[in-house]
PDB file of all heavy atoms in Angstrom:
ATOM      1  N   GLN A   1       0.816  -1.214   0.000  1.00  0.00           N
ATOM      2  CA  GLN A   1       0.000   0.000   0.000  1.00  0.00           C
ATOM      3  C   GLN A   1       0.850   1.265   0.000  1.00  0.00           C
ATOM      4  O   GLN A   1       0.562   2.220  -0.719  1.00  0.00           O
ATOM      5  CB  GLN A   1      -0.937   0.017   1.211  1.00  0.00           C
ATOM      6  CG  GLN A   1      -1.887   1.216   1.221  1.00  0.00           C
ATOM      7  CD  GLN A   1      -2.664   1.344   2.513  1.00  0.00           C
ATOM      8  OE1 GLN A   1      -2.092   1.267   3.593  1.00  0.00           O
ATOM      9  NE2 GLN A   1      -3.965   1.537   2.401  1.00  0.00           N
ATOM     10  N   ARG A   2       1.926   1.281   0.809  1.00  0.00           N
ATOM     11  CA  ARG A   2       2.749   2.492   0.892  1.00  0.00           C
ATOM     12  C   ARG A   2       3.355   2.837  -0.466  1.00  0.00           C
ATOM     13  O   ARG A   2       3.459   4.015  -0.822  1.00  0.00           O
ATOM     14  CB  ARG A   2       3.841   2.325   1.955  1.00  0.00           C
ATOM     15  CG  ARG A   2       4.670   3.594   2.166  1.00  0.00           C
ATOM     16  CD  ARG A   2       5.539   3.476   3.393  1.00  0.00           C
ATOM     17  NE  ARG A   2       4.763   3.467   4.620  1.00  0.00           N
ATOM     18  CZ  ARG A   2       4.350   4.557   5.245  1.00  0.00           C
ATOM     19  NH1 ARG A   2       4.605   5.753   4.742  1.00  0.00           N
ATOM     20  NH2 ARG A   2       3.685   4.460   6.375  1.00  0.00           N
ATOM     21  N   SER A   3       3.738   1.836  -1.236  1.00  0.00           N
ATOM     22  CA  SER A   3       4.301   2.081  -2.566  1.00  0.00           C
ATOM     23  C   SER A   3       3.248   2.680  -3.494  1.00  0.00           C
ATOM     24  O   SER A   3       3.530   3.581  -4.288  1.00  0.00           O
ATOM     25  CB  SER A   3       4.846   0.780  -3.162  1.00  0.00           C
ATOM     26  OG  SER A   3       5.872   0.249  -2.355  1.00  0.00           O
ATOM     27  N   ARG A   4       2.011   2.184  -3.372  1.00  0.00           N
ATOM     28  CA  ARG A   4       0.926   2.720  -4.199  1.00  0.00           C
ATOM     29  C   ARG A   4       0.603   4.158  -3.801  1.00  0.00           C
ATOM     30  O   ARG A   4       0.331   5.008  -4.660  1.00  0.00           O
ATOM     31  CB  ARG A   4      -0.329   1.841  -4.079  1.00  0.00           C
ATOM     32  CG  ARG A   4      -0.142   0.417  -4.605  1.00  0.00           C
ATOM     33  CD  ARG A   4      -1.478  -0.291  -4.769  1.00  0.00           C
ATOM     34  NE  ARG A   4      -2.219  -0.409  -3.520  1.00  0.00           N
ATOM     35  CZ  ARG A   4      -2.089  -1.409  -2.655  1.00  0.00           C
ATOM     36  NH1 ARG A   4      -1.210  -2.379  -2.899  1.00  0.00           N
ATOM     37  NH2 ARG A   4      -2.810  -1.462  -1.555  1.00  0.00           N
ATOM     38  N   ILE A   5       0.647   4.440  -2.502  1.00  0.00           N
ATOM     39  CA  ILE A   5       0.390   5.797  -2.019  1.00  0.00           C
ATOM     40  C   ILE A   5       1.482   6.739  -2.518  1.00  0.00           C
ATOM     41  O   ILE A   5       1.209   7.879  -2.929  1.00  0.00           O
ATOM     42  CB  ILE A   5       0.326   5.832  -0.481  1.00  0.00           C
ATOM     43  CG1 ILE A   5      -0.930   5.101   0.011  1.00  0.00           C
ATOM     44  CG2 ILE A   5       0.353   7.267   0.037  1.00  0.00           C
ATOM     45  CD1 ILE A   5      -2.227   5.760  -0.398  1.00  0.00           C
ATOM     46  N   ARG A   6       2.721   6.254  -2.494  1.00  0.00           N
ATOM     47  CA  ARG A   6       3.846   7.078  -2.972  1.00  0.00           C
ATOM     48  C   ARG A   6       3.650   7.447  -4.443  1.00  0.00           C
ATOM     49  O   ARG A   6       3.897   8.586  -4.841  1.00  0.00           O
ATOM     50  CB  ARG A   6       5.149   6.318  -2.762  1.00  0.00           C
ATOM     51  CG  ARG A   6       6.401   7.156  -2.971  1.00  0.00           C
ATOM     52  CD  ARG A   6       7.637   6.387  -2.552  1.00  0.00           C
ATOM     53  NE  ARG A   6       7.635   6.133  -1.118  1.00  0.00           N
ATOM     54  CZ  ARG A   6       7.774   4.926  -0.577  1.00  0.00           C
ATOM     55  NH1 ARG A   6       7.898   3.860  -1.353  1.00  0.00           N
ATOM     56  NH2 ARG A   6       7.773   4.784   0.729  1.00  0.00           N
ATOM     57  N   LYS A   7       3.197   6.494  -5.241  1.00  0.00           N
ATOM     58  CA  LYS A   7       2.936   6.749  -6.656  1.00  0.00           C
ATOM     59  C   LYS A   7       1.762   7.723  -6.814  1.00  0.00           C
ATOM     60  O   LYS A   7       1.780   8.625  -7.667  1.00  0.00           O
ATOM     61  CB  LYS A   7       2.638   5.446  -7.398  1.00  0.00           C
ATOM     62  CG  LYS A   7       2.390   5.615  -8.899  1.00  0.00           C
ATOM     63  CD  LYS A   7       2.112   4.291  -9.569  1.00  0.00           C
ATOM     64  CE  LYS A   7       1.922   4.470 -11.063  1.00  0.00           C
ATOM     65  NZ  LYS A   7       0.832   5.416 -11.401  1.00  0.00           N
ATOM     66  N   LEU A   8       0.732   7.550  -5.972  1.00  0.00           N
ATOM     67  CA  LEU A   8      -0.428   8.436  -6.014  1.00  0.00           C
ATOM     68  C   LEU A   8      -0.017   9.882  -5.735  1.00  0.00           C
ATOM     69  O   LEU A   8      -0.480  10.812  -6.409  1.00  0.00           O
ATOM     70  CB  LEU A   8      -1.467   7.985  -4.988  1.00  0.00           C
ATOM     71  CG  LEU A   8      -2.665   8.921  -4.771  1.00  0.00           C
ATOM     72  CD1 LEU A   8      -3.483   9.032  -6.049  1.00  0.00           C
ATOM     73  CD2 LEU A   8      -3.533   8.435  -3.620  1.00  0.00           C
ATOM     74  N   ILE A   9       0.849  10.065  -4.767  1.00  0.00           N
ATOM     75  CA  ILE A   9       1.302  11.418  -4.421  1.00  0.00           C
ATOM     76  C   ILE A   9       2.058  12.051  -5.583  1.00  0.00           C
ATOM     77  O   ILE A   9       1.874  13.239  -5.890  1.00  0.00           O
ATOM     78  CB  ILE A   9       2.178  11.390  -3.145  1.00  0.00           C
ATOM     79  CG1 ILE A   9       1.331  10.993  -1.930  1.00  0.00           C
ATOM     80  CG2 ILE A   9       2.834  12.750  -2.902  1.00  0.00           C
ATOM     81  CD1 ILE A   9       2.125  10.737  -0.677  1.00  0.00           C
ATOM     82  N   LEU A  10       2.882  11.262  -6.245  1.00  0.00           N
ATOM     83  CA  LEU A  10       3.600  11.771  -7.428  1.00  0.00           C
ATOM     84  C   LEU A  10       2.613  12.185  -8.514  1.00  0.00           C
ATOM     85  O   LEU A  10       2.783  13.232  -9.166  1.00  0.00           O
ATOM     86  CB  LEU A  10       4.566  10.705  -7.956  1.00  0.00           C
ATOM     87  CG  LEU A  10       5.803  10.421  -7.110  1.00  0.00           C
ATOM     88  CD1 LEU A  10       6.579   9.240  -7.683  1.00  0.00           C
ATOM     89  CD2 LEU A  10       6.703  11.655  -7.044  1.00  0.00           C
ATOM     90  N   ASP A  11       1.572  11.380  -8.717  1.00  0.00           N
ATOM     91  CA  ASP A  11       0.552  11.704  -9.710  1.00  0.00           C
ATOM     92  C   ASP A  11      -0.187  12.985  -9.324  1.00  0.00           C
ATOM     93  O   ASP A  11      -0.478  13.837 -10.180  1.00  0.00           O
ATOM     94  CB  ASP A  11      -0.454  10.554  -9.849  1.00  0.00           C
ATOM     95  CG  ASP A  11       0.171   9.310 -10.483  1.00  0.00           C
ATOM     96  OD1 ASP A  11       1.218   9.452 -11.156  1.00  0.00           O
ATOM     97  OD2 ASP A  11      -0.382   8.210 -10.299  1.00  0.00           O
ATOM     98  N   LEU A  12      -0.480  13.136  -8.024  1.00  0.00           N
ATOM     99  CA  LEU A  12      -1.180  14.329  -7.560  1.00  0.00           C
ATOM    100  C   LEU A  12      -0.313  15.576  -7.702  1.00  0.00           C
ATOM    101  O   LEU A  12      -0.816  16.672  -7.979  1.00  0.00           O
ATOM    102  CB  LEU A  12      -1.608  14.155  -6.099  1.00  0.00           C
ATOM    103  CG  LEU A  12      -2.744  13.156  -5.837  1.00  0.00           C
ATOM    104  CD1 LEU A  12      -2.957  12.980  -4.341  1.00  0.00           C
ATOM    105  CD2 LEU A  12      -4.031  13.612  -6.511  1.00  0.00           C
ATOM    106  N   GLU A  13       0.989  15.403  -7.519  1.00  0.00           N
ATOM    107  CA  GLU A  13       1.905  16.531  -7.713  1.00  0.00           C
ATOM    108  C   GLU A  13       1.872  17.000  -9.166  1.00  0.00           C
ATOM    109  O   GLU A  13       1.920  18.205  -9.447  1.00  0.00           O
ATOM    110  CB  GLU A  13       3.333  16.138  -7.317  1.00  0.00           C
ATOM    111  CG  GLU A  13       3.544  16.042  -5.814  1.00  0.00           C
ATOM    112  CD  GLU A  13       4.959  15.619  -5.468  1.00  0.00           C
ATOM    113  OE1 GLU A  13       5.724  15.245  -6.375  1.00  0.00           O
ATOM    114  OE2 GLU A  13       5.299  15.674  -4.285  1.00  0.00           O
ATOM    115  N   ASN A  14       1.779  16.052 -10.065  1.00  0.00           N
ATOM    116  CA  ASN A  14       1.688  16.400 -11.490  1.00  0.00           C
ATOM    117  C   ASN A  14       0.387  17.117 -11.807  1.00  0.00           C
ATOM    118  O   ASN A  14       0.281  17.835 -12.809  1.00  0.00           O
ATOM    119  CB  ASN A  14       1.817  15.138 -12.356  1.00  0.00           C
ATOM    120  CG  ASN A  14       3.199  14.515 -12.280  1.00  0.00           C
ATOM    121  OD1 ASN A  14       4.184  15.216 -12.051  1.00  0.00           O
ATOM    122  ND2 ASN A  14       3.274  13.213 -12.459  1.00  0.00           N
ATOM    123  N   GLU A  15      -0.622  16.888 -10.934  1.00  0.00           N
ATOM    124  CA  GLU A  15      -1.923  17.537 -11.119  1.00  0.00           C
ATOM    125  C   GLU A  15      -2.041  18.831 -10.319  1.00  0.00           C
ATOM    126  O   GLU A  15      -3.101  19.452 -10.278  1.00  0.00           O
ATOM    127  CB  GLU A  15      -3.050  16.571 -10.718  1.00  0.00           C
ATOM    128  CG  GLU A  15      -3.177  15.346 -11.603  1.00  0.00           C
ATOM    129  CD  GLU A  15      -3.548  15.692 -13.036  1.00  0.00           C
ATOM    130  OE1 GLU A  15      -4.294  16.685 -13.226  1.00  0.00           O
ATOM    131  OE2 GLU A  15      -3.111  14.971 -13.958  1.00  0.00           O
ATOM    132  N   GLY A  16      -0.944  19.199  -9.662  1.00  0.00           N
ATOM    133  CA  GLY A  16      -0.943  20.484  -8.956  1.00  0.00           C
ATOM    134  C   GLY A  16      -0.979  20.420  -7.446  1.00  0.00           C
ATOM    135  O   GLY A  16      -1.208  21.447  -6.786  1.00  0.00           O
ATOM    136  N   LEU A  17      -0.773  19.243  -6.854  1.00  0.00           N
ATOM    137  CA  LEU A  17      -0.749  19.150  -5.394  1.00  0.00           C
ATOM    138  C   LEU A  17       0.356  20.041  -4.835  1.00  0.00           C
ATOM    139  O   LEU A  17       1.509  19.941  -5.248  1.00  0.00           O
ATOM    140  CB  LEU A  17      -0.518  17.704  -4.950  1.00  0.00           C
ATOM    141  CG  LEU A  17      -0.308  17.494  -3.439  1.00  0.00           C
ATOM    142  CD1 LEU A  17      -1.587  17.786  -2.679  1.00  0.00           C
ATOM    143  CD2 LEU A  17       0.171  16.077  -3.153  1.00  0.00           C
ATOM    144  N   ASP A  18       0.007  20.904  -3.924  1.00  0.00           N
ATOM    145  CA  ASP A  18       0.957  21.811  -3.284  1.00  0.00           C
ATOM    146  C   ASP A  18       1.314  21.244  -1.904  1.00  0.00           C
ATOM    147  O   ASP A  18       0.504  21.275  -0.979  1.00  0.00           O
ATOM    148  CB  ASP A  18       0.341  23.204  -3.130  1.00  0.00           C
ATOM    149  CG  ASP A  18       1.361  24.244  -2.675  1.00  0.00           C
ATOM    150  OD1 ASP A  18       2.301  23.870  -1.965  1.00  0.00           O
ATOM    151  OD2 ASP A  18       1.193  25.425  -3.028  1.00  0.00           O
ATOM    152  N   LYS A  19       2.521  20.716  -1.771  1.00  0.00           N
ATOM    153  CA  LYS A  19       2.926  20.091  -0.517  1.00  0.00           C
ATOM    154  C   LYS A  19       2.980  21.093   0.635  1.00  0.00           C
ATOM    155  O   LYS A  19       2.743  20.742   1.784  1.00  0.00           O
ATOM    156  CB  LYS A  19       4.281  19.395  -0.683  1.00  0.00           C
ATOM    157  CG  LYS A  19       4.211  18.082  -1.441  1.00  0.00           C
ATOM    158  CD  LYS A  19       5.539  17.361  -1.405  1.00  0.00           C
ATOM    159  CE  LYS A  19       5.453  15.990  -2.052  1.00  0.00           C
ATOM    160  NZ  LYS A  19       6.746  15.273  -2.014  1.00  0.00           N
ATOM    161  N   LYS A  20       3.296  22.349   0.315  1.00  0.00           N
ATOM    162  CA  LYS A  20       3.359  23.360   1.366  1.00  0.00           C
ATOM    163  C   LYS A  20       1.977  23.598   1.965  1.00  0.00           C
ATOM    164  O   LYS A  20       1.822  23.761   3.178  1.00  0.00           O
ATOM    165  CB  LYS A  20       3.938  24.663   0.813  1.00  0.00           C
ATOM    166  CG  LYS A  20       5.427  24.598   0.500  1.00  0.00           C
ATOM    167  CD  LYS A  20       5.951  25.949   0.050  1.00  0.00           C
ATOM    168  CE  LYS A  20       7.452  25.880  -0.224  1.00  0.00           C
ATOM    169  NZ  LYS A  20       7.987  27.190  -0.679  1.00  0.00           N
ATOM    170  N   LYS A  21       0.943  23.626   1.103  1.00  0.00           N
ATOM    171  CA  LYS A  21      -0.421  23.823   1.597  1.00  0.00           C
ATOM    172  C   LYS A  21      -0.897  22.596   2.376  1.00  0.00           C
ATOM    173  O   LYS A  21      -1.609  22.710   3.372  1.00  0.00           O
ATOM    174  CB  LYS A  21      -1.355  24.122   0.432  1.00  0.00           C
ATOM    175  CG  LYS A  21      -1.138  25.496  -0.186  1.00  0.00           C
ATOM    176  CD  LYS A  21      -2.134  25.777  -1.302  1.00  0.00           C
ATOM    177  CE  LYS A  21      -1.917  27.166  -1.892  1.00  0.00           C
ATOM    178  NZ  LYS A  21      -2.854  27.458  -3.004  1.00  0.00           N
ATOM    179  N   LEU A  22      -0.495  21.406   1.904  1.00  0.00           N
ATOM    180  CA  LEU A  22      -0.855  20.187   2.620  1.00  0.00           C
ATOM    181  C   LEU A  22      -0.186  20.164   3.988  1.00  0.00           C
ATOM    182  O   LEU A  22      -0.794  19.770   4.991  1.00  0.00           O
ATOM    183  CB  LEU A  22      -0.446  18.959   1.808  1.00  0.00           C
ATOM    184  CG  LEU A  22      -0.759  17.597   2.434  1.00  0.00           C
ATOM    185  CD1 LEU A  22      -2.252  17.465   2.714  1.00  0.00           C
ATOM    186  CD2 LEU A  22      -0.295  16.469   1.520  1.00  0.00           C
ATOM    187  N   ASP A  23       1.057  20.608   4.033  1.00  0.00           N
ATOM    188  CA  ASP A  23       1.784  20.680   5.297  1.00  0.00           C
ATOM    189  C   ASP A  23       1.088  21.651   6.250  1.00  0.00           C
ATOM    190  O   ASP A  23       0.996  21.402   7.456  1.00  0.00           O
ATOM    191  CB  ASP A  23       3.225  21.125   5.043  1.00  0.00           C
ATOM    192  CG  ASP A  23       4.068  21.104   6.312  1.00  0.00           C
ATOM    193  OD1 ASP A  23       4.099  20.077   6.999  1.00  0.00           O
ATOM    194  OD2 ASP A  23       4.712  22.131   6.617  1.00  0.00           O
ATOM    195  N   LEU A  24       0.559  22.764   5.716  1.00  0.00           N
ATOM    196  CA  LEU A  24      -0.167  23.737   6.534  1.00  0.00           C
ATOM    197  C   LEU A  24      -1.443  23.114   7.085  1.00  0.00           C
ATOM    198  O   LEU A  24      -1.807  23.335   8.252  1.00  0.00           O
ATOM    199  CB  LEU A  24      -0.497  24.978   5.703  1.00  0.00           C
ATOM    200  CG  LEU A  24      -1.273  26.090   6.427  1.00  0.00           C
ATOM    201  CD1 LEU A  24      -0.476  26.614   7.616  1.00  0.00           C
ATOM    202  CD2 LEU A  24      -1.590  27.223   5.456  1.00  0.00           C
ATOM    203  N   THR A  25      -2.122  22.322   6.257  1.00  0.00           N
ATOM    204  CA  THR A  25      -3.337  21.626   6.706  1.00  0.00           C
ATOM    205  C   THR A  25      -3.024  20.694   7.873  1.00  0.00           C
ATOM    206  O   THR A  25      -3.746  20.659   8.880  1.00  0.00           O
ATOM    207  CB  THR A  25      -3.946  20.814   5.550  1.00  0.00           C
ATOM    208  OG1 THR A  25      -4.357  21.698   4.506  1.00  0.00           O
ATOM    209  CG2 THR A  25      -5.149  20.007   6.027  1.00  0.00           C
ATOM    210  N   ILE A  26      -1.934  19.935   7.748  1.00  0.00           N
ATOM    211  CA  ILE A  26      -1.532  19.011   8.807  1.00  0.00           C
ATOM    212  C   ILE A  26      -1.191  19.775  10.084  1.00  0.00           C
ATOM    213  O   ILE A  26      -1.541  19.345  11.197  1.00  0.00           O
ATOM    214  CB  ILE A  26      -0.343  18.151   8.340  1.00  0.00           C
ATOM    215  CG1 ILE A  26      -0.776  17.250   7.167  1.00  0.00           C
ATOM    216  CG2 ILE A  26       0.192  17.300   9.485  1.00  0.00           C
ATOM    217  CD1 ILE A  26       0.364  16.475   6.532  1.00  0.00           C
ATOM    218  N   LYS A  27      -0.535  20.928   9.949  1.00  0.00           N
ATOM    219  CA  LYS A  27      -0.194  21.740  11.123  1.00  0.00           C
ATOM    220  C   LYS A  27      -1.455  22.248  11.818  1.00  0.00           C
ATOM    221  O   LYS A  27      -1.531  22.275  13.048  1.00  0.00           O
ATOM    222  CB  LYS A  27       0.682  22.922  10.706  1.00  0.00           C
ATOM    223  CG  LYS A  27       2.115  22.547  10.359  1.00  0.00           C
ATOM    224  CD  LYS A  27       2.923  23.772   9.965  1.00  0.00           C
ATOM    225  CE  LYS A  27       4.350  23.392   9.616  1.00  0.00           C
ATOM    226  NZ  LYS A  27       5.148  24.575   9.175  1.00  0.00           N
ATOM    227  N   ASN A  28      -2.457  22.665  11.018  1.00  0.00           N
ATOM    228  CA  ASN A  28      -3.709  23.145  11.601  1.00  0.00           C
ATOM    229  C   ASN A  28      -4.445  22.022  12.337  1.00  0.00           C
ATOM    230  O   ASN A  28      -5.008  22.222  13.417  1.00  0.00           O
ATOM    231  CB  ASN A  28      -4.611  23.725  10.507  1.00  0.00           C
ATOM    232  CG  ASN A  28      -4.082  25.047   9.970  1.00  0.00           C
ATOM    233  OD1 ASN A  28      -3.353  25.756  10.658  1.00  0.00           O
ATOM    234  ND2 ASN A  28      -4.431  25.382   8.739  1.00  0.00           N
ATOM    235  N   LEU A  29      -4.420  20.826  11.738  1.00  0.00           N
ATOM    236  CA  LEU A  29      -5.038  19.672  12.389  1.00  0.00           C
ATOM    237  C   LEU A  29      -4.308  19.340  13.687  1.00  0.00           C
ATOM    238  O   LEU A  29      -4.926  18.937  14.677  1.00  0.00           O
ATOM    239  CB  LEU A  29      -5.013  18.460  11.448  1.00  0.00           C
ATOM    240  CG  LEU A  29      -5.928  18.547  10.216  1.00  0.00           C
ATOM    241  CD1 LEU A  29      -5.689  17.339   9.306  1.00  0.00           C
ATOM    242  CD2 LEU A  29      -7.389  18.617  10.631  1.00  0.00           C
ATOM    243  N   LYS A  30      -2.991  19.508  13.675  1.00  0.00           N
ATOM    244  CA  LYS A  30      -2.201  19.227  14.875  1.00  0.00           C
ATOM    245  C   LYS A  30      -2.582  20.177  16.016  1.00  0.00           C
ATOM    246  O   LYS A  30      -2.643  19.762  17.178  1.00  0.00           O
ATOM    247  CB  LYS A  30      -0.706  19.348  14.579  1.00  0.00           C
ATOM    248  CG  LYS A  30       0.176  18.983  15.759  1.00  0.00           C
ATOM    249  CD  LYS A  30       1.637  19.116  15.413  1.00  0.00           C
ATOM    250  CE  LYS A  30       2.496  18.694  16.608  1.00  0.00           C
ATOM    251  NZ  LYS A  30       2.233  19.521  17.808  1.00  0.00           N
ATOM    252  N   CYS A  31      -2.863  21.441  15.682  1.00  0.00           N
ATOM    253  CA  CYS A  31      -3.279  22.400  16.718  1.00  0.00           C
ATOM    254  C   CYS A  31      -4.583  21.948  17.370  1.00  0.00           C
ATOM    255  O   CYS A  31      -4.739  22.012  18.595  1.00  0.00           O
ATOM    256  CB  CYS A  31      -3.448  23.785  16.107  1.00  0.00           C
ATOM    257  SG  CYS A  31      -1.892  24.598  15.665  1.00  0.00           S
ATOM    258  N   ALA A  32      -5.531  21.487  16.546  1.00  0.00           N
ATOM    259  CA  ALA A  32      -6.795  20.975  17.083  1.00  0.00           C
ATOM    260  C   ALA A  32      -6.549  19.738  17.934  1.00  0.00           C
ATOM    261  O   ALA A  32      -7.160  19.556  18.997  1.00  0.00           O
ATOM    262  CB  ALA A  32      -7.748  20.648  15.938  1.00  0.00           C
ATOM    263  N   ASN A  33      -5.640  18.895  17.489  1.00  0.00           N
ATOM    264  CA  ASN A  33      -5.304  17.672  18.221  1.00  0.00           C
ATOM    265  C   ASN A  33      -4.692  17.996  19.583  1.00  0.00           C
ATOM    266  O   ASN A  33      -4.992  17.343  20.583  1.00  0.00           O
ATOM    267  CB  ASN A  33      -4.333  16.837  17.394  1.00  0.00           C
ATOM    268  CG  ASN A  33      -4.006  15.519  18.047  1.00  0.00           C
ATOM    269  OD1 ASN A  33      -4.850  14.654  18.166  1.00  0.00           O
ATOM    270  ND2 ASN A  33      -2.761  15.364  18.475  1.00  0.00           N
ATOM    271  N   ASP A  34      -3.846  19.023  19.624  1.00  0.00           N
ATOM    272  CA  ASP A  34      -3.226  19.427  20.885  1.00  0.00           C
ATOM    273  C   ASP A  34      -4.275  19.877  21.893  1.00  0.00           C
ATOM    274  O   ASP A  34      -4.147  19.634  23.094  1.00  0.00           O
ATOM    275  CB  ASP A  34      -2.220  20.560  20.647  1.00  0.00           C
ATOM    276  CG  ASP A  34      -0.979  20.096  19.897  1.00  0.00           C
ATOM    277  OD1 ASP A  34      -0.736  18.875  19.867  1.00  0.00           O
ATOM    278  OD2 ASP A  34      -0.261  20.952  19.333  1.00  0.00           O
ATOM    279  N   GLY A  35      -5.330  20.538  21.391  1.00  0.00           N
ATOM    280  CA  GLY A  35      -6.406  20.969  22.277  1.00  0.00           C
ATOM    281  C   GLY A  35      -7.122  19.787  22.918  1.00  0.00           C
ATOM    282  O   GLY A  35      -7.420  19.802  24.122  1.00  0.00           O
TER     283      GLY A  35
END
């Protein structure tokens, strides 16, 4: 599964996935988790 996910992420990057924005989303979720 991890190999398939890795390929999926590469495909999404080709479609415009912005890792910086995804990282920001994860950080925001982490703030909620800390609460």
